[in-house]
N, C-alpha and C. Protein backbone atom coordinates (compact mmCIF):
# COMPACT_ATOMS: atom_id res chain seq x y z
N UNK A 1 -14.84 36.55 123.77
CA UNK A 1 -13.84 37.57 123.98
C UNK A 1 -14.37 38.70 124.86
N UNK A 2 -13.48 39.33 125.55
CA UNK A 2 -13.86 40.46 126.39
C UNK A 2 -14.00 41.71 125.53
N UNK A 3 -14.89 42.59 125.95
CA UNK A 3 -15.15 43.81 125.18
C UNK A 3 -14.82 45.07 125.98
N UNK A 4 -14.37 46.07 125.28
CA UNK A 4 -14.27 47.43 125.80
C UNK A 4 -14.91 48.31 124.74
N UNK A 5 -15.95 49.01 125.11
CA UNK A 5 -16.67 49.84 124.14
C UNK A 5 -16.29 51.30 124.37
N UNK A 6 -15.82 51.93 123.30
CA UNK A 6 -15.39 53.33 123.36
C UNK A 6 -16.17 54.11 122.31
N UNK A 7 -16.74 55.22 122.70
CA UNK A 7 -17.43 56.11 121.77
C UNK A 7 -16.44 57.17 121.31
N UNK A 8 -16.39 57.39 120.01
CA UNK A 8 -15.52 58.43 119.44
C UNK A 8 -16.40 59.60 119.04
N UNK A 9 -16.33 60.67 119.79
CA UNK A 9 -17.15 61.84 119.50
C UNK A 9 -16.37 62.90 118.77
N UNK A 10 -16.83 63.26 117.58
CA UNK A 10 -16.13 64.29 116.83
C UNK A 10 -16.96 65.55 116.68
N UNK A 11 -18.21 65.50 117.07
CA UNK A 11 -19.08 66.67 116.95
C UNK A 11 -19.27 67.31 118.32
N UNK A 12 -18.31 68.04 118.71
CA UNK A 12 -18.36 68.76 119.98
C UNK A 12 -17.77 70.14 119.76
N UNK A 13 -17.90 71.00 120.73
CA UNK A 13 -17.44 72.38 120.57
C UNK A 13 -16.18 72.66 121.39
N UNK A 14 -15.57 71.65 121.93
CA UNK A 14 -14.37 71.83 122.75
C UNK A 14 -13.16 72.07 121.86
N UNK A 15 -12.42 73.12 122.16
CA UNK A 15 -11.20 73.45 121.42
C UNK A 15 -10.06 73.60 122.40
N UNK A 16 -8.87 73.27 121.96
CA UNK A 16 -7.69 73.42 122.80
C UNK A 16 -6.71 74.34 122.09
N UNK A 17 -6.10 75.20 122.87
CA UNK A 17 -5.14 76.15 122.33
C UNK A 17 -3.82 76.00 123.07
N UNK A 18 -2.71 76.17 122.37
CA UNK A 18 -1.40 76.05 123.02
C UNK A 18 -1.21 77.16 124.06
N UNK A 19 -0.55 76.80 125.15
CA UNK A 19 -0.31 77.78 126.22
C UNK A 19 1.14 78.23 126.27
N UNK A 20 2.01 77.60 125.49
CA UNK A 20 3.40 78.02 125.45
C UNK A 20 3.95 77.81 124.04
N UNK A 21 5.01 78.51 123.68
CA UNK A 21 5.56 78.40 122.32
C UNK A 21 6.00 76.98 121.94
N UNK A 22 6.40 76.15 122.91
CA UNK A 22 6.83 74.78 122.60
C UNK A 22 5.67 73.89 122.14
N UNK A 23 4.45 74.30 122.47
CA UNK A 23 3.27 73.48 122.15
C UNK A 23 2.61 73.87 120.83
N UNK A 24 3.19 74.80 120.10
CA UNK A 24 2.57 75.32 118.88
C UNK A 24 3.15 74.64 117.65
N UNK A 25 2.28 74.28 116.70
CA UNK A 25 2.78 73.77 115.42
C UNK A 25 2.78 74.91 114.40
N UNK A 26 3.06 74.61 113.15
CA UNK A 26 3.21 75.67 112.14
C UNK A 26 1.89 76.37 111.80
N UNK A 27 0.76 75.78 112.15
CA UNK A 27 -0.54 76.42 111.88
C UNK A 27 -1.11 77.07 113.14
N UNK A 28 -0.30 77.22 114.18
CA UNK A 28 -0.70 77.83 115.46
C UNK A 28 -1.68 76.97 116.24
N UNK A 29 -1.76 75.70 115.94
CA UNK A 29 -2.58 74.76 116.70
C UNK A 29 -1.71 74.00 117.69
N UNK A 30 -2.36 73.23 118.55
CA UNK A 30 -1.60 72.34 119.41
C UNK A 30 -0.96 71.27 118.54
N UNK A 31 0.15 70.74 118.99
CA UNK A 31 0.88 69.75 118.19
C UNK A 31 0.10 68.45 118.09
N UNK A 32 0.34 67.74 117.00
CA UNK A 32 -0.26 66.41 116.83
C UNK A 32 0.19 65.52 117.97
N UNK A 33 -0.73 64.74 118.51
CA UNK A 33 -0.41 63.88 119.63
C UNK A 33 -0.82 64.47 120.97
N UNK A 34 -1.49 65.62 120.95
CA UNK A 34 -1.92 66.26 122.19
C UNK A 34 -3.02 65.44 122.85
N UNK A 35 -2.84 65.16 124.12
CA UNK A 35 -3.81 64.40 124.92
C UNK A 35 -4.25 65.25 126.09
N UNK A 36 -5.57 65.33 126.29
CA UNK A 36 -6.13 66.04 127.44
C UNK A 36 -7.02 65.04 128.18
N UNK A 37 -6.61 64.67 129.38
CA UNK A 37 -7.41 63.70 130.14
C UNK A 37 -7.75 64.19 131.54
N UNK A 38 -7.61 65.48 131.78
CA UNK A 38 -8.05 66.06 133.05
C UNK A 38 -8.37 67.52 132.84
N UNK A 39 -9.14 68.06 133.75
CA UNK A 39 -9.51 69.47 133.67
C UNK A 39 -10.83 69.70 132.99
N UNK A 40 -11.01 69.21 131.79
CA UNK A 40 -12.27 69.41 131.05
C UNK A 40 -13.01 68.10 130.81
N UNK A 41 -12.50 67.02 131.37
CA UNK A 41 -13.14 65.72 131.19
C UNK A 41 -14.08 65.43 132.36
N UNK A 42 -14.87 64.38 132.23
CA UNK A 42 -15.84 64.03 133.28
C UNK A 42 -15.13 63.54 134.53
N UNK A 43 -15.71 63.83 135.65
CA UNK A 43 -15.10 63.45 136.93
C UNK A 43 -15.27 61.96 137.20
N UNK A 44 -16.46 61.44 136.95
CA UNK A 44 -16.77 60.05 137.31
C UNK A 44 -16.78 59.09 136.13
N UNK A 45 -16.34 59.53 134.99
CA UNK A 45 -16.30 58.67 133.81
C UNK A 45 -14.87 58.65 133.28
N UNK A 46 -14.59 57.65 132.47
CA UNK A 46 -13.28 57.57 131.82
C UNK A 46 -13.42 58.13 130.42
N UNK A 47 -12.94 59.34 130.22
CA UNK A 47 -12.96 59.94 128.90
C UNK A 47 -11.71 60.79 128.72
N UNK A 48 -11.39 61.09 127.47
CA UNK A 48 -10.23 61.90 127.16
C UNK A 48 -10.37 62.49 125.77
N UNK A 49 -9.64 63.56 125.51
CA UNK A 49 -9.57 64.18 124.19
C UNK A 49 -8.20 63.88 123.62
N UNK A 50 -8.17 63.44 122.37
CA UNK A 50 -6.91 63.11 121.72
C UNK A 50 -6.88 63.76 120.34
N UNK A 51 -5.86 64.57 120.12
CA UNK A 51 -5.67 65.19 118.81
C UNK A 51 -4.43 64.57 118.19
N UNK A 52 -4.65 63.59 117.34
CA UNK A 52 -3.54 62.85 116.74
C UNK A 52 -3.04 63.54 115.47
N UNK A 53 -3.93 64.18 114.76
CA UNK A 53 -3.60 64.74 113.45
C UNK A 53 -3.12 66.19 113.56
N UNK A 54 -2.36 66.59 112.57
CA UNK A 54 -1.92 67.98 112.47
C UNK A 54 -2.98 68.77 111.70
N UNK A 55 -3.15 70.00 112.07
CA UNK A 55 -4.14 70.84 111.41
C UNK A 55 -3.66 71.35 110.07
N UNK A 56 -4.53 71.34 109.08
CA UNK A 56 -4.21 71.88 107.76
C UNK A 56 -4.53 73.37 107.72
N UNK A 57 -5.66 73.72 108.36
CA UNK A 57 -6.14 75.09 108.31
C UNK A 57 -7.15 75.27 109.43
N UNK A 58 -7.18 76.42 110.04
CA UNK A 58 -8.15 76.69 111.10
C UNK A 58 -7.77 76.00 112.40
N UNK A 59 -8.72 75.96 113.32
CA UNK A 59 -8.49 75.37 114.62
C UNK A 59 -8.80 73.88 114.59
N UNK A 60 -7.87 73.08 115.04
CA UNK A 60 -8.03 71.63 115.05
C UNK A 60 -8.95 71.22 116.20
N UNK A 61 -9.82 70.24 115.93
CA UNK A 61 -10.66 69.70 116.99
C UNK A 61 -10.18 68.30 117.33
N UNK A 62 -9.94 68.08 118.60
CA UNK A 62 -9.54 66.75 119.06
C UNK A 62 -10.76 65.83 119.07
N UNK A 63 -10.54 64.53 119.01
CA UNK A 63 -11.62 63.57 119.13
C UNK A 63 -11.85 63.29 120.60
N UNK A 64 -13.11 63.23 121.00
CA UNK A 64 -13.48 62.96 122.39
C UNK A 64 -13.78 61.46 122.51
N UNK A 65 -12.95 60.75 123.23
CA UNK A 65 -13.14 59.31 123.43
C UNK A 65 -13.79 59.09 124.79
N UNK A 66 -14.87 58.32 124.81
CA UNK A 66 -15.60 58.04 126.05
C UNK A 66 -15.72 56.54 126.19
N UNK A 67 -15.16 55.98 127.26
CA UNK A 67 -15.30 54.56 127.53
C UNK A 67 -16.61 54.40 128.29
N UNK A 68 -17.54 53.70 127.69
CA UNK A 68 -18.84 53.56 128.35
C UNK A 68 -18.83 52.40 129.32
N UNK A 69 -19.95 52.14 129.90
CA UNK A 69 -20.08 51.20 131.02
C UNK A 69 -19.33 49.89 130.83
N UNK A 70 -19.33 49.35 129.63
CA UNK A 70 -18.72 48.04 129.41
C UNK A 70 -17.21 48.17 129.18
N UNK A 71 -16.41 47.73 130.12
CA UNK A 71 -14.95 47.71 129.99
C UNK A 71 -14.45 46.42 130.65
N UNK A 72 -14.73 45.30 129.99
CA UNK A 72 -14.37 44.00 130.55
C UNK A 72 -12.86 43.78 130.59
N UNK A 73 -12.11 44.46 129.74
CA UNK A 73 -10.66 44.26 129.69
C UNK A 73 -9.93 45.02 130.78
N UNK A 74 -10.59 46.02 131.34
CA UNK A 74 -9.98 46.85 132.39
C UNK A 74 -8.62 47.41 131.94
N UNK A 75 -8.61 47.97 130.72
CA UNK A 75 -7.39 48.58 130.21
C UNK A 75 -6.99 49.75 131.09
N UNK A 76 -5.71 49.86 131.42
CA UNK A 76 -5.26 51.09 132.08
C UNK A 76 -5.42 52.26 131.12
N UNK A 77 -5.69 53.44 131.64
CA UNK A 77 -5.96 54.59 130.77
C UNK A 77 -4.80 54.86 129.81
N UNK A 78 -3.58 54.73 130.27
CA UNK A 78 -2.44 55.00 129.39
C UNK A 78 -2.41 54.05 128.20
N UNK A 79 -2.74 52.78 128.42
CA UNK A 79 -2.74 51.80 127.33
C UNK A 79 -3.83 52.11 126.30
N UNK A 80 -5.02 52.47 126.78
CA UNK A 80 -6.12 52.78 125.87
C UNK A 80 -5.82 54.05 125.07
N UNK A 81 -5.26 55.04 125.72
CA UNK A 81 -4.92 56.29 125.03
C UNK A 81 -3.81 56.07 124.01
N UNK A 82 -2.80 55.32 124.37
CA UNK A 82 -1.70 55.03 123.43
C UNK A 82 -2.21 54.18 122.27
N UNK A 83 -3.11 53.23 122.57
CA UNK A 83 -3.68 52.40 121.51
C UNK A 83 -4.48 53.22 120.51
N UNK A 84 -5.27 54.18 121.01
CA UNK A 84 -6.04 55.05 120.11
C UNK A 84 -5.09 55.89 119.27
N UNK A 85 -4.04 56.38 119.89
CA UNK A 85 -3.05 57.19 119.15
C UNK A 85 -2.39 56.35 118.05
N UNK A 86 -1.89 55.17 118.42
CA UNK A 86 -1.19 54.32 117.45
C UNK A 86 -2.11 53.88 116.32
N UNK A 87 -3.36 53.53 116.65
CA UNK A 87 -4.30 53.06 115.63
C UNK A 87 -4.64 54.16 114.63
N UNK A 88 -4.54 55.41 115.04
CA UNK A 88 -4.87 56.53 114.15
C UNK A 88 -3.91 56.65 112.96
N UNK A 89 -2.80 55.93 113.02
CA UNK A 89 -1.85 55.93 111.90
C UNK A 89 -2.10 54.78 110.94
N UNK A 90 -3.11 53.96 111.19
CA UNK A 90 -3.31 52.74 110.41
C UNK A 90 -4.40 52.82 109.35
N UNK A 91 -4.98 53.98 109.13
CA UNK A 91 -6.04 54.12 108.12
C UNK A 91 -5.40 54.09 106.75
N UNK A 92 -5.66 53.04 106.00
CA UNK A 92 -4.97 52.77 104.73
C UNK A 92 -5.05 53.91 103.71
N UNK A 93 -6.19 54.57 103.50
CA UNK A 93 -6.23 55.61 102.48
C UNK A 93 -5.40 56.86 102.81
N UNK A 94 -4.95 57.00 104.06
CA UNK A 94 -4.22 58.20 104.46
C UNK A 94 -2.72 57.92 104.59
N UNK A 95 -1.93 58.94 104.35
CA UNK A 95 -0.47 58.79 104.50
C UNK A 95 0.01 59.36 105.84
N UNK A 96 -0.88 59.99 106.59
CA UNK A 96 -0.54 60.54 107.90
C UNK A 96 -1.58 60.06 108.90
N UNK A 97 -1.46 60.52 110.13
CA UNK A 97 -2.45 60.15 111.14
C UNK A 97 -3.79 60.80 110.79
N UNK A 98 -4.86 60.18 111.23
CA UNK A 98 -6.21 60.68 110.98
C UNK A 98 -6.90 60.98 112.31
N UNK A 99 -7.98 61.70 112.23
CA UNK A 99 -8.67 62.18 113.42
C UNK A 99 -9.31 61.06 114.23
N UNK A 100 -9.86 60.06 113.58
CA UNK A 100 -10.54 58.96 114.24
C UNK A 100 -9.75 57.67 114.09
N UNK A 101 -10.02 56.71 114.96
CA UNK A 101 -9.40 55.39 114.79
C UNK A 101 -10.06 54.71 113.59
N UNK A 102 -9.34 53.88 112.84
CA UNK A 102 -9.87 53.28 111.62
C UNK A 102 -11.21 52.56 111.76
N UNK A 103 -11.49 51.80 112.83
CA UNK A 103 -12.82 51.18 112.90
C UNK A 103 -13.95 52.22 112.91
N UNK A 104 -13.71 53.37 113.51
CA UNK A 104 -14.74 54.42 113.52
C UNK A 104 -14.91 55.01 112.13
N UNK A 105 -13.82 55.19 111.38
CA UNK A 105 -13.93 55.67 110.01
C UNK A 105 -14.68 54.66 109.14
N UNK A 106 -14.36 53.39 109.28
CA UNK A 106 -15.04 52.36 108.49
C UNK A 106 -16.53 52.34 108.81
N UNK A 107 -16.87 52.47 110.09
CA UNK A 107 -18.28 52.49 110.49
C UNK A 107 -18.99 53.70 109.89
N UNK A 108 -18.30 54.81 109.80
CA UNK A 108 -18.91 56.01 109.21
C UNK A 108 -19.13 55.82 107.71
N UNK A 109 -18.18 55.22 107.02
CA UNK A 109 -18.36 54.94 105.59
C UNK A 109 -19.55 54.01 105.36
N UNK A 110 -19.66 52.97 106.18
CA UNK A 110 -20.77 52.03 106.05
C UNK A 110 -22.10 52.75 106.32
N UNK A 111 -22.12 53.60 107.34
CA UNK A 111 -23.34 54.35 107.66
C UNK A 111 -23.75 55.23 106.48
N UNK A 112 -22.79 55.93 105.89
CA UNK A 112 -23.12 56.81 104.76
C UNK A 112 -23.63 56.00 103.57
N UNK A 113 -23.00 54.87 103.32
CA UNK A 113 -23.41 54.04 102.19
C UNK A 113 -24.80 53.45 102.44
N UNK A 114 -25.06 53.00 103.66
CA UNK A 114 -26.37 52.44 104.01
C UNK A 114 -27.45 53.50 103.85
N UNK A 115 -27.14 54.73 104.23
CA UNK A 115 -28.12 55.80 104.08
C UNK A 115 -28.50 55.98 102.61
N UNK A 116 -27.53 55.85 101.71
CA UNK A 116 -27.83 55.97 100.28
C UNK A 116 -28.71 54.82 99.79
N UNK A 117 -28.44 53.61 100.27
CA UNK A 117 -29.24 52.46 99.87
C UNK A 117 -30.67 52.57 100.40
N UNK A 118 -30.82 53.13 101.58
CA UNK A 118 -32.14 53.17 102.22
C UNK A 118 -32.92 54.44 101.90
N UNK A 119 -32.30 55.39 101.25
CA UNK A 119 -32.94 56.68 100.98
C UNK A 119 -34.27 56.53 100.24
N UNK A 120 -34.30 55.68 99.22
CA UNK A 120 -35.53 55.51 98.43
C UNK A 120 -36.57 54.66 99.14
N UNK A 121 -36.15 53.92 100.15
CA UNK A 121 -37.08 53.03 100.85
C UNK A 121 -37.63 53.69 102.11
N UNK A 122 -36.79 54.38 102.84
CA UNK A 122 -37.21 55.01 104.08
C UNK A 122 -37.22 56.52 103.90
N UNK A 123 -38.33 57.06 103.46
CA UNK A 123 -38.42 58.49 103.19
C UNK A 123 -38.38 59.32 104.48
N UNK A 124 -38.20 60.62 104.36
CA UNK A 124 -38.12 61.47 105.55
C UNK A 124 -39.41 61.41 106.37
N UNK A 125 -39.28 61.53 107.68
CA UNK A 125 -40.48 61.54 108.53
C UNK A 125 -41.41 62.69 108.13
N UNK A 126 -42.71 62.41 108.19
CA UNK A 126 -43.70 63.44 107.85
C UNK A 126 -44.17 63.38 106.42
N UNK A 127 -43.44 62.71 105.54
CA UNK A 127 -43.89 62.62 104.15
C UNK A 127 -44.95 61.53 104.04
N UNK A 128 -45.72 61.55 102.94
CA UNK A 128 -46.79 60.56 102.80
C UNK A 128 -46.23 59.14 102.70
N UNK A 129 -45.02 59.00 102.16
CA UNK A 129 -44.42 57.67 102.05
C UNK A 129 -43.98 57.13 103.40
N UNK A 130 -43.79 57.99 104.39
CA UNK A 130 -43.31 57.52 105.69
C UNK A 130 -44.36 56.72 106.44
N UNK A 131 -45.58 56.70 105.94
CA UNK A 131 -46.64 55.93 106.57
C UNK A 131 -46.67 54.48 106.08
N UNK A 132 -45.67 54.05 105.30
CA UNK A 132 -45.65 52.68 104.79
C UNK A 132 -45.46 51.69 105.93
N UNK A 133 -46.15 50.55 105.83
CA UNK A 133 -45.95 49.51 106.85
C UNK A 133 -44.78 48.62 106.45
N UNK A 134 -44.43 47.66 107.28
CA UNK A 134 -43.26 46.82 107.04
C UNK A 134 -43.36 46.04 105.73
N UNK A 135 -44.55 45.52 105.42
CA UNK A 135 -44.73 44.76 104.18
C UNK A 135 -44.50 45.64 102.95
N UNK A 136 -44.99 46.88 102.99
CA UNK A 136 -44.79 47.80 101.88
C UNK A 136 -43.30 48.15 101.71
N UNK A 137 -42.62 48.31 102.83
CA UNK A 137 -41.18 48.60 102.78
C UNK A 137 -40.43 47.44 102.15
N UNK A 138 -40.77 46.22 102.53
CA UNK A 138 -40.12 45.03 101.97
C UNK A 138 -40.39 44.92 100.47
N UNK A 139 -41.62 45.18 100.05
CA UNK A 139 -41.95 45.15 98.62
C UNK A 139 -41.12 46.18 97.86
N UNK A 140 -41.02 47.37 98.42
CA UNK A 140 -40.25 48.45 97.78
C UNK A 140 -38.77 48.06 97.67
N UNK A 141 -38.22 47.45 98.72
CA UNK A 141 -36.82 47.01 98.70
C UNK A 141 -36.60 45.98 97.61
N UNK A 142 -37.52 45.02 97.46
CA UNK A 142 -37.38 44.00 96.42
C UNK A 142 -37.49 44.60 95.03
N UNK A 143 -38.34 45.63 94.87
CA UNK A 143 -38.45 46.33 93.59
C UNK A 143 -37.11 46.98 93.22
N UNK A 144 -36.50 47.63 94.20
CA UNK A 144 -35.26 48.37 93.94
C UNK A 144 -34.05 47.47 93.81
N UNK A 145 -33.96 46.47 94.68
CA UNK A 145 -32.73 45.68 94.76
C UNK A 145 -32.83 44.30 94.15
N UNK A 146 -34.02 43.86 93.81
CA UNK A 146 -34.18 42.54 93.21
C UNK A 146 -33.67 41.45 94.14
N UNK A 147 -32.68 40.70 93.69
CA UNK A 147 -32.15 39.57 94.47
C UNK A 147 -31.06 40.01 95.45
N UNK A 148 -30.84 41.31 95.57
CA UNK A 148 -29.82 41.79 96.52
C UNK A 148 -28.48 42.03 95.84
N UNK A 149 -27.44 41.84 96.58
CA UNK A 149 -26.08 42.09 96.10
C UNK A 149 -25.72 41.07 95.03
N UNK A 150 -25.04 41.53 93.99
CA UNK A 150 -24.63 40.64 92.91
C UNK A 150 -23.77 39.51 93.47
N UNK A 151 -23.90 38.35 92.89
CA UNK A 151 -23.19 37.15 93.37
C UNK A 151 -21.68 37.36 93.46
N UNK A 152 -21.10 38.09 92.52
CA UNK A 152 -19.65 38.32 92.53
C UNK A 152 -19.20 39.23 93.68
N UNK A 153 -20.15 39.98 94.24
CA UNK A 153 -19.80 40.91 95.33
C UNK A 153 -20.09 40.33 96.71
N UNK A 154 -20.86 39.28 96.78
CA UNK A 154 -21.17 38.70 98.08
C UNK A 154 -19.92 38.21 98.75
N UNK A 155 -19.82 38.46 100.03
CA UNK A 155 -18.65 38.03 100.76
C UNK A 155 -17.50 39.02 100.72
N UNK A 156 -17.71 40.16 100.03
CA UNK A 156 -16.68 41.19 99.98
C UNK A 156 -17.20 42.45 100.67
N UNK A 157 -16.31 43.34 100.97
CA UNK A 157 -16.70 44.60 101.60
C UNK A 157 -16.88 45.66 100.52
N UNK A 158 -17.80 45.41 99.58
CA UNK A 158 -18.01 46.27 98.44
C UNK A 158 -18.44 47.68 98.83
N UNK A 159 -19.05 47.82 99.99
CA UNK A 159 -19.59 49.11 100.42
C UNK A 159 -18.51 50.08 100.85
N UNK A 160 -17.26 49.62 101.03
CA UNK A 160 -16.17 50.55 101.35
C UNK A 160 -15.56 51.03 100.06
């Protein structure tokens, strides 16, 4: 299958403010569905800011989507932007649109869960335990996890 790789950046300092009364929602933020794809985006790269969700409180931050080097599908920008917007309504635990597309949310949940599993095995850099070699790390993992995931959970997405 062909791939298009998009980075979803949510940790940035870019903010957007409404410039006319028609663009304001009830919390004085830009309306949900605001797309910015020129002016503050990169000149030679394909990137855009998309604010799909409505703000609850404070200033809303749009998600910065960056299409990196690999774009085998050659999606037109409008299709990719509309797809990101539409997908933001598909996150099952939410009843409204969410800030990130669901695959990015799922990846974040998996990352957080993996960090918890690895916390006791991979200590912070600089600590005496961080000098463990690969064999010691494997021994420690077997001590903590034994045979791994319980048989009833194998093949399921238990980490979500």
